[in-house]
Amino acid sequence: MLDLLLNYHKRKLAKLIENDASYEKILKQSQILDKYINIKMKELVKS
């Protein structure tokens, strides 16, 4: 499930960048992606 969320948010960020979205939108999406990356890293450390 987490991998799906990571992929979704990566694609969403890439699309925002490709479409020259505003800095604020790109930043917000990047922060969301960072949150899921941190969760994934914590999972990897536990296992």
Protein backbone atom coordinates (compact mmCIF):
# COMPACT_ATOMS: atom_id res chain seq x y z
CA MET A 1 0.00 0.00 0.00
CA LEU A 2 2.74 2.41 0.93
CA ASP A 3 4.56 1.68 -2.34
CA LEU A 4 1.42 2.61 -4.26
CA LEU A 5 1.17 5.91 -2.41
CA LEU A 6 4.83 6.65 -3.09
CA ASN A 7 4.44 5.96 -6.79
CA TYR A 8 1.25 8.02 -7.00
CA HIS A 9 2.82 11.05 -5.35
CA LYS A 10 6.01 10.74 -7.43
CA ARG A 11 3.94 10.77 -10.62
CA LYS A 12 1.86 13.68 -9.36
CA LEU A 13 4.99 15.70 -8.57
CA ALA A 14 6.52 14.89 -11.95
CA LYS A 15 3.32 16.00 -13.70
CA LEU A 16 3.28 19.29 -11.76
CA ILE A 17 6.88 19.97 -12.76
CA GLU A 18 6.23 19.08 -16.41
CA ASN A 19 3.22 21.39 -16.51
CA ASP A 20 5.12 24.31 -14.96
CA ALA A 21 2.88 24.46 -11.91
CA SER A 22 3.42 27.18 -9.35
CA TYR A 23 6.28 26.89 -6.91
CA GLU A 24 3.83 26.57 -4.03
CA LYS A 25 2.02 23.59 -5.57
CA ILE A 26 5.29 21.84 -6.37
CA LEU A 27 6.60 22.50 -2.87
CA LYS A 28 3.43 21.20 -1.23
CA GLN A 29 3.48 18.02 -3.33
CA SER A 30 7.18 17.54 -2.60
CA GLN A 31 6.47 17.78 1.12
CA ILE A 32 3.73 15.16 0.83
CA LEU A 33 6.11 12.86 -1.00
CA ASP A 34 8.80 13.46 1.63
CA LYS A 35 6.34 12.39 4.32
CA TYR A 36 5.74 9.05 2.62
CA ILE A 37 9.45 8.54 1.93
CA ASN A 38 10.16 9.04 5.64
CA ILE A 39 7.51 6.47 6.55
CA LYS A 40 9.02 3.99 4.08
CA MET A 41 12.52 4.56 5.44
CA LYS A 42 11.30 3.90 8.99
CA GLU A 43 9.71 0.65 7.79
CA LEU A 44 12.96 -0.43 6.15
CA VAL A 45 14.97 0.28 9.30
CA LYS A 46 12.59 -1.81 11.43
CA SER A 47 12.91 -4.87 9.19
